[in-house]
Amino acid sequence: MAEPLLSVTDLRAGYGPTQILQGISLSVRAGERLALIGRNGVGKTTLLNTIMGLTTQHGGQVTWQGAPIGSLAPHRRAALGLGLVPQTRDIFKSLSVEENLLAGMRGDASLDEAYALFPRLKERRRNGGGQLSGGEQQMLAVARTLMGRPRLLMLDEPLEGLAPVICEMLMGVFERLAAEGSTTVILVEQHADMALGFADRGVILEAGRLVHEAPAAELRRDAAVLERYLGVGLA
């Protein structure tokens, strides 16, 4: 079996002295689509942030293609091929759309690729980030991360607060990227039905621990597990 693209082993991490992740072990294969679900406050965002190097790691290991990266700064991890679209988006509101995209660009990436995925951004390319709607800001956050040519794209609540038509469009982009085979995706999303419909595999976090893992289609049908850990069943 091929070596995982990313692995975390007995990962314990948080913010300063506060430990949120309580010994998570998980691996992701190249080309896989992983849905990471659970109630609010269980550690999903902290896990993504720890993989990206944005938290205090108290123990365990993060490996990328078999090599430990726990000591690397976030920009070094980005250079290796890790990309995170944070829940807060973190676009540069004082810069134009085009300047935001250029700030994230690496290698042979081009603005035309971003505009092909998100035509609306081309229309708004001279507008400041702060002039964009919430949906447009999310498009920009995703496109800017893609300009870094990530092999692993981590998406933290990318659909939060967005209109259904924008959610559908964004999920279409994620489907397209994953189908092309060059991008591995970890999706954190409160819309469990949508996340599991997209993913190959689903994992559930509870109180900083991984408590359930299954093929996404199987988990989507498991009303008892979803009710226990998310408080909802899926139709």
Foldseek 3Di string as FASTA:
>chain_A
DADFQKWWFQWWWAAPPDTQAGTETDTHHQLFAEEEEFAPPQCPLVVLCQLLQNTGTPDTFMDGSRHTCNPPHNVVVLLVFEFECHPVNPFQQAAFLQVSLVVLADDPADPVVLCVLPVVCVVRRRPGLVPDDPLVSLSSSVNSRVNSVHQEYEYAASCPPHDPVSVVSVLVSVLVVSVVRSHYYYYYHHPLLSSLVRGQKYWYGGRNYTDDIDGSVVVLQPQVVCCVGVVGHDD
